[in-house]
Protein backbone atom coordinates (compact mmCIF):
# COMPACT_ATOMS: atom_id res chain seq x y z
CA UNK A 1 52.20 -3.60 -60.47
CA UNK A 2 49.54 -6.00 -59.63
CA UNK A 3 50.96 -7.48 -56.38
CA UNK A 4 54.06 -6.34 -54.42
CA UNK A 5 55.10 -8.97 -51.83
CA UNK A 6 57.09 -7.80 -48.74
CA UNK A 7 59.09 -10.19 -46.56
CA UNK A 8 61.21 -13.27 -46.52
CA UNK A 9 63.09 -14.76 -49.34
CA UNK A 10 65.41 -17.75 -48.74
CA UNK A 11 66.66 -20.92 -50.42
CA UNK A 12 64.69 -24.16 -50.00
CA UNK A 13 66.69 -27.37 -50.32
CA UNK A 14 64.47 -30.08 -51.70
CA UNK A 15 64.99 -33.75 -50.82
CA UNK A 16 65.63 -36.34 -53.68
CA UNK A 17 63.12 -38.65 -51.97
CA UNK A 18 60.24 -38.50 -49.54
CA UNK A 19 59.75 -40.45 -46.34
CA UNK A 20 63.13 -39.62 -45.05
CA UNK A 21 64.51 -37.60 -42.10
CA UNK A 22 67.17 -34.93 -43.16
CA UNK A 23 70.08 -37.20 -42.06
CA UNK A 24 68.96 -39.86 -44.46
CA UNK A 25 68.34 -37.78 -47.55
CA UNK A 26 70.88 -38.68 -50.45
CA UNK A 27 70.75 -35.46 -52.43
CA UNK A 28 69.23 -31.91 -52.28
CA UNK A 29 68.23 -29.40 -54.92
CA UNK A 30 68.14 -25.70 -54.17
CA UNK A 31 64.96 -23.63 -55.18
CA UNK A 32 63.24 -20.40 -54.39
CA UNK A 33 61.78 -20.33 -50.88
CA UNK A 34 60.03 -18.18 -48.51
CA UNK A 35 56.30 -17.57 -48.59
CA UNK A 36 56.52 -14.02 -50.01
CA UNK A 37 58.95 -15.14 -52.76
CA UNK A 38 56.64 -17.99 -53.66
CA UNK A 39 53.59 -15.80 -53.93
CA UNK A 40 55.50 -13.35 -56.17
CA UNK A 41 56.41 -16.30 -58.59
CA UNK A 42 52.82 -17.59 -58.55
CA UNK A 43 51.45 -14.23 -59.55
CA UNK A 44 54.03 -13.86 -62.20
CA UNK A 45 53.26 -17.27 -63.71
CA UNK A 46 49.58 -16.41 -63.89
CA UNK A 47 50.36 -13.37 -66.02
CA UNK A 48 50.56 -10.91 -63.29
CA UNK A 49 53.04 -8.16 -62.63
CA UNK A 50 54.70 -8.94 -59.28
CA UNK A 51 57.58 -7.69 -57.27
CA UNK A 52 59.44 -8.66 -54.06
CA UNK A 53 60.63 -6.33 -51.45
CA UNK A 54 63.11 -7.91 -48.96
CA UNK A 55 66.66 -8.68 -48.16
CA UNK A 56 69.03 -11.53 -49.09
CA UNK A 57 72.81 -11.97 -48.68
CA UNK A 58 75.44 -10.73 -50.86
CA UNK A 59 76.52 -14.33 -51.34
CA UNK A 60 76.00 -17.18 -53.86
CA UNK A 61 72.54 -18.02 -52.44
CA UNK A 62 71.46 -14.38 -52.72
CA UNK A 63 72.55 -14.18 -56.33
CA UNK A 64 70.80 -17.39 -57.03
CA UNK A 65 67.55 -16.09 -55.70
CA UNK A 66 67.77 -12.79 -57.49
CA UNK A 67 68.55 -14.47 -60.78
CA UNK A 68 65.84 -17.12 -60.48
CA UNK A 69 63.22 -14.72 -59.41
CA UNK A 70 64.10 -12.38 -62.23
CA UNK A 71 63.94 -15.21 -64.65
CA UNK A 72 60.30 -15.94 -63.42
CA UNK A 73 59.50 -12.36 -64.37
CA UNK A 74 59.41 -11.02 -60.74
CA UNK A 75 60.66 -7.38 -60.20
CA UNK A 76 63.66 -7.76 -57.92
CA UNK A 77 64.57 -4.00 -58.10
CA UNK A 78 63.78 -3.78 -54.35
CA UNK A 79 65.24 -7.05 -53.34
CA UNK A 80 68.30 -5.69 -51.44
CA UNK A 81 71.52 -7.64 -51.08
CA UNK A 82 73.64 -7.03 -47.88
CA UNK A 83 77.00 -8.17 -46.74
CA UNK A 84 75.93 -8.01 -43.06
CA UNK A 85 74.25 -11.50 -43.02
CA UNK A 86 73.85 -14.65 -45.11
CA UNK A 87 71.00 -15.68 -47.10
CA UNK A 88 68.74 -18.10 -45.00
CA UNK A 89 68.59 -21.76 -45.96
CA UNK A 90 65.95 -24.40 -45.31
CA UNK A 91 66.26 -28.12 -45.62
CA UNK A 92 62.86 -29.81 -46.18
CA UNK A 93 62.01 -33.47 -45.45
CA UNK A 94 58.92 -35.21 -46.24
CA UNK A 95 56.98 -38.06 -44.82
CA UNK A 96 55.09 -40.68 -46.84
CA UNK A 97 52.01 -38.59 -46.90
CA UNK A 98 53.81 -35.52 -48.27
CA UNK A 99 53.71 -33.58 -44.91
CA UNK A 100 56.84 -31.66 -44.54
CA UNK A 101 59.30 -30.58 -41.73
CA UNK A 102 61.91 -27.95 -41.80
CA UNK A 103 65.57 -27.69 -40.67
CA UNK A 104 66.57 -24.00 -40.81
CA UNK A 105 69.99 -22.34 -41.14
CA UNK A 106 68.78 -18.72 -40.32
CA UNK A 107 71.04 -17.34 -37.51
CA UNK A 108 70.82 -13.65 -38.12
CA UNK A 109 69.64 -14.40 -41.52
CA UNK A 110 69.56 -11.62 -44.16
CA UNK A 111 65.79 -11.70 -44.41
CA UNK A 112 65.63 -10.31 -40.77
CA UNK A 113 67.41 -7.07 -41.85
CA UNK A 114 64.38 -5.54 -43.50
CA UNK A 115 64.47 -1.85 -42.48
CA UNK A 116 63.35 1.65 -43.22
CA UNK A 117 65.62 1.88 -46.29
CA UNK A 118 63.45 -0.89 -47.90
CA UNK A 119 60.18 1.14 -47.58
CA UNK A 120 59.71 3.02 -50.82
CA UNK A 121 56.29 4.83 -50.73
CA UNK A 122 56.38 5.56 -54.55
CA UNK A 123 56.93 1.91 -55.38
CA UNK A 124 54.25 0.65 -53.05
CA UNK A 125 51.89 3.19 -54.52
CA UNK A 126 52.20 1.50 -57.88
CA UNK A 127 50.82 -1.71 -56.54
CA UNK A 128 47.21 -2.67 -56.50
CA UNK A 129 47.84 -5.19 -53.73
CA UNK A 130 50.59 -5.07 -51.11
CA UNK A 131 50.98 -8.50 -49.49
CA UNK A 132 53.14 -9.41 -46.44
CA UNK A 133 53.93 -12.01 -43.95
CA UNK A 134 55.64 -12.18 -40.44
CA UNK A 135 58.56 -14.65 -40.68
CA UNK A 136 61.07 -11.78 -41.41
CA UNK A 137 59.94 -9.65 -38.43
CA UNK A 138 62.12 -10.97 -35.51
CA UNK A 139 64.05 -7.69 -35.11
CA UNK A 140 62.54 -4.36 -33.87
CA UNK A 141 63.59 -2.40 -37.03
CA UNK A 142 61.91 -4.92 -39.24
CA UNK A 143 58.76 -4.57 -37.36
CA UNK A 144 58.76 -0.83 -37.56
CA UNK A 145 59.52 -1.04 -41.33
CA UNK A 146 56.65 -3.38 -41.88
CA UNK A 147 54.18 -1.27 -40.00
CA UNK A 148 55.26 1.73 -42.02
CA UNK A 149 54.96 -0.30 -45.27
CA UNK A 150 51.35 -1.31 -44.32
CA UNK A 151 50.37 2.17 -43.34
CA UNK A 152 51.92 3.64 -46.46
CA UNK A 153 49.95 1.26 -48.64
CA UNK A 154 46.77 1.85 -46.70
CA UNK A 155 47.13 5.57 -47.01
CA UNK A 156 47.53 5.19 -50.73
CA UNK A 157 44.30 3.16 -50.91
CA UNK A 158 46.00 -0.09 -51.74
CA UNK A 159 44.55 -3.53 -50.94
CA UNK A 160 46.65 -4.65 -48.04
CA UNK A 161 46.93 -8.46 -47.64
CA UNK A 162 48.52 -10.60 -44.92
CA UNK A 163 49.15 -14.32 -44.71
CA UNK A 164 51.01 -14.64 -41.36
CA UNK A 165 52.43 -18.13 -42.33
CA UNK A 166 53.15 -18.69 -38.75
CA UNK A 167 56.35 -20.57 -37.70
CA UNK A 168 55.95 -20.39 -33.93
CA UNK A 169 58.95 -22.45 -33.16
CA UNK A 170 61.21 -19.74 -34.78
CA UNK A 171 60.16 -17.20 -32.14
CA UNK A 172 61.98 -17.04 -28.83
CA UNK A 173 58.82 -15.61 -27.28
CA UNK A 174 55.60 -16.31 -29.37
CA UNK A 175 53.83 -13.60 -27.36
CA UNK A 176 55.87 -10.99 -29.24
CA UNK A 177 54.40 -12.32 -32.46
CA UNK A 178 50.92 -12.48 -30.98
CA UNK A 179 51.22 -8.77 -30.06
CA UNK A 180 52.59 -7.95 -33.63
CA UNK A 181 49.56 -9.69 -35.15
CA UNK A 182 47.35 -7.51 -32.98
CA UNK A 183 48.92 -4.39 -34.54
CA UNK A 184 49.07 -5.55 -38.16
CA UNK A 185 45.82 -7.63 -38.83
CA UNK A 186 43.40 -4.58 -38.15
CA UNK A 187 45.39 -2.76 -40.85
CA UNK A 188 44.56 -5.25 -43.40
CA UNK A 189 41.91 -5.44 -46.18
CA UNK A 190 42.55 -9.31 -46.63
CA UNK A 191 43.85 -11.78 -44.11
CA UNK A 192 44.39 -15.42 -45.10
CA UNK A 193 44.88 -17.91 -42.29
CA UNK A 194 45.41 -21.74 -42.45
CA UNK A 195 43.12 -23.79 -40.10
CA UNK A 196 46.17 -24.58 -38.00
CA UNK A 197 46.90 -20.88 -37.50
CA UNK A 198 43.43 -19.79 -36.30
CA UNK A 199 43.75 -20.46 -32.54
CA UNK A 200 47.02 -18.44 -32.19
CA UNK A 201 46.16 -15.54 -34.49
CA UNK A 202 42.49 -15.12 -33.32
CA UNK A 203 41.87 -17.20 -30.23
CA UNK A 204 39.21 -19.04 -31.99
CA UNK A 205 39.04 -22.70 -32.87
CA UNK A 206 36.25 -22.90 -35.37
CA UNK A 207 36.72 -21.27 -38.84
CA UNK A 208 33.46 -19.28 -38.63
CA UNK A 209 34.41 -17.88 -35.28
CA UNK A 210 37.88 -16.96 -36.63
CA UNK A 211 36.43 -15.23 -39.61
CA UNK A 212 33.98 -13.22 -37.48
CA UNK A 213 36.83 -12.27 -35.17
CA UNK A 214 38.87 -10.96 -38.13
CA UNK A 215 35.82 -9.12 -39.49
CA UNK A 216 35.43 -7.43 -36.12
CA UNK A 217 38.90 -6.16 -36.37
CA UNK A 218 38.02 -4.41 -39.59
CA UNK A 219 39.35 -6.96 -42.07
CA UNK A 220 37.22 -6.57 -45.35
CA UNK A 221 37.70 -10.07 -46.64
CA UNK A 222 38.91 -12.69 -44.07
CA UNK A 223 39.81 -16.23 -45.48
CA UNK A 224 40.61 -19.50 -43.85
CA UNK A 225 42.20 -22.35 -45.97
CA UNK A 226 41.34 -25.86 -44.90
CA UNK A 227 43.71 -28.20 -46.90
CA UNK A 228 41.76 -30.82 -48.69
CA UNK A 229 38.54 -29.41 -47.31
CA UNK A 230 39.01 -26.38 -49.41
CA UNK A 231 38.49 -22.75 -48.00
CA UNK A 232 35.93 -20.56 -46.27
CA UNK A 233 35.54 -16.79 -46.40
CA UNK A 234 33.23 -14.24 -44.77
CA UNK A 235 31.41 -11.70 -46.98
CA UNK A 236 28.74 -9.25 -45.66
CA UNK A 237 28.00 -11.57 -42.81
CA UNK A 238 27.71 -14.70 -44.82
CA UNK A 239 30.10 -17.57 -44.42
CA UNK A 240 30.84 -19.13 -47.88
CA UNK A 241 32.47 -22.63 -48.14
CA UNK A 242 34.33 -23.56 -51.30
CA UNK A 243 35.70 -27.21 -51.86
CA UNK A 244 39.02 -28.23 -53.10
CA UNK A 245 39.67 -30.62 -56.04
CA UNK A 246 40.70 -34.13 -55.06
CA UNK A 247 44.40 -34.76 -55.94
CA UNK A 248 47.38 -37.00 -55.27
CA UNK A 249 49.48 -35.29 -52.61
CA UNK A 250 53.29 -35.42 -53.13
CA UNK A 251 54.35 -32.44 -51.00
CA UNK A 252 52.12 -30.08 -49.16
CA UNK A 253 54.82 -27.31 -48.87
CA UNK A 254 53.56 -24.12 -50.56
CA UNK A 255 49.90 -25.11 -51.00
CA UNK A 256 48.82 -22.02 -49.08
CA UNK A 257 51.16 -19.80 -51.26
CA UNK A 258 49.65 -21.24 -54.42
CA UNK A 259 46.18 -20.34 -53.04
CA UNK A 260 47.21 -16.85 -52.17
CA UNK A 261 48.96 -16.06 -55.44
CA UNK A 262 45.85 -17.06 -57.34
CA UNK A 263 43.60 -15.14 -54.96
CA UNK A 264 45.64 -11.99 -55.12
CA UNK A 265 46.13 -12.13 -58.75
CA UNK A 266 42.35 -12.15 -59.30
CA UNK A 267 41.79 -9.42 -56.76
CA UNK A 268 44.45 -7.24 -58.42
CA UNK A 269 42.78 -7.57 -61.87
CA UNK A 270 39.20 -7.12 -60.63
CA UNK A 271 39.57 -4.36 -58.05
CA UNK A 272 41.86 -1.40 -58.45
CA UNK A 273 42.06 -0.37 -54.75
CA UNK A 274 40.63 -1.09 -51.34
CA UNK A 275 37.40 0.96 -51.87
CA UNK A 276 36.75 -1.06 -55.12
CA UNK A 277 37.18 -4.39 -53.08
CA UNK A 278 34.42 -3.24 -50.63
CA UNK A 279 32.02 -3.29 -53.54
CA UNK A 280 32.86 -6.88 -54.56
CA UNK A 281 30.07 -9.46 -55.14
CA UNK A 282 29.76 -12.67 -53.33
CA UNK A 283 29.78 -14.60 -56.65
CA UNK A 284 33.06 -13.06 -57.74
CA UNK A 285 34.70 -13.95 -54.56
CA UNK A 286 33.39 -17.38 -54.51
CA UNK A 287 34.77 -17.84 -58.14
CA UNK A 288 37.92 -16.47 -57.03
CA UNK A 289 38.37 -18.68 -53.95
CA UNK A 290 37.56 -21.66 -56.17
CA UNK A 291 40.36 -20.59 -58.49
CA UNK A 292 42.65 -20.34 -55.50
CA UNK A 293 41.86 -23.86 -54.30
CA UNK A 294 42.52 -25.26 -57.83
CA UNK A 295 45.90 -23.61 -57.91
CA UNK A 296 46.80 -24.74 -54.39
CA UNK A 297 45.72 -28.18 -55.15
CA UNK A 298 48.12 -28.34 -58.28
CA UNK A 299 51.00 -27.26 -56.02
CA UNK A 300 50.74 -30.24 -53.83
CA UNK A 301 51.02 -32.73 -56.86
CA UNK A 302 54.77 -31.65 -57.18
CA UNK A 303 57.82 -31.61 -55.02
CA UNK A 304 58.58 -28.15 -53.66
CA UNK A 305 56.58 -24.81 -53.23
CA UNK A 306 57.47 -23.34 -56.67
CA UNK A 307 57.69 -26.22 -59.02
CA UNK A 308 53.95 -26.85 -59.02
CA UNK A 309 52.87 -23.30 -59.36
CA UNK A 310 51.00 -23.34 -62.61
CA UNK A 311 51.39 -21.00 -65.54
CA UNK A 312 48.25 -19.10 -66.88
CA UNK A 313 47.79 -21.66 -69.78
CA UNK A 314 47.66 -24.54 -67.36
CA UNK A 315 44.66 -23.25 -65.52
CA UNK A 316 42.83 -21.59 -68.35
CA UNK A 317 39.78 -23.82 -67.82
CA UNK A 318 39.29 -22.56 -64.21
CA UNK A 319 39.95 -19.03 -64.56
CA UNK A 320 37.34 -16.57 -63.36
CA UNK A 321 35.74 -14.75 -66.35
CA UNK A 322 37.45 -11.38 -65.74
CA UNK A 323 40.77 -13.07 -65.65
CA UNK A 324 40.04 -14.90 -69.00
CA UNK A 325 39.21 -11.61 -70.49
CA UNK A 326 42.04 -9.58 -69.02
CA UNK A 327 44.32 -9.96 -72.06
CA UNK A 328 41.61 -9.75 -74.73
């Protein structure tokens, strides 16, 4: 496996039109949702071998997600279905600038039931990158399972990646999430934050300070995405800025997931494990960040987090050299 994603999978309901509140939307279309599910699809479309570890309901929406993910080429052998809870649903509305808001139906959602039974050390050891988020970690058992997942992957020498994808409003006490980040982030090889998440996750309001904070925790490759301003990463003490292409924004949902899928796909093909990543060159990482910005920019030109994720042939012109040569 190139990338194994661990965490939430739910159904996004996309609106028929933008510039509307939920109550005014005339029609909805169901689609794959949840940051980890989105990343798994993005990796697969770029030619990678991806898998999703998580929990969905034993209901029609759970079946929909498993079938749609499998049709995208994602390994769903470890996407468990349960009768104990329902699959989470999210209704997305957009303003005229493509900025989104969410209405959730996730009371005791199946995604929260991640547990020890979902941690398969042999499966994790098959991945070059193990990537996770925090939105499925509301229950103590899920937090324990994720910590064990991360420690298992680290012990096997895997590249451990985190995009917290913070949804503070979903936490009864956000300080619980802050404490969890304090446990998880120092265990990571790669951490990707959005500019809006920096202050909560690091206590820093400037990208450079946030990057140096993460580096001080032991993160090998910290990255901050900045929307239309591109992305910035820290490598061997140097802060490297990468611009994003200028595009027409339809929907910002999933832009960060598009960036992450491209970034991790490149890492997985270039670096076999965490020690290999430590020997990366600045030039390679800059090329890979440029690729991530290109893919993220494509996502915002379409409605929904998944519909704009490109296939490999769509982005051949911006592939880093080692990805262009991967199939030759």
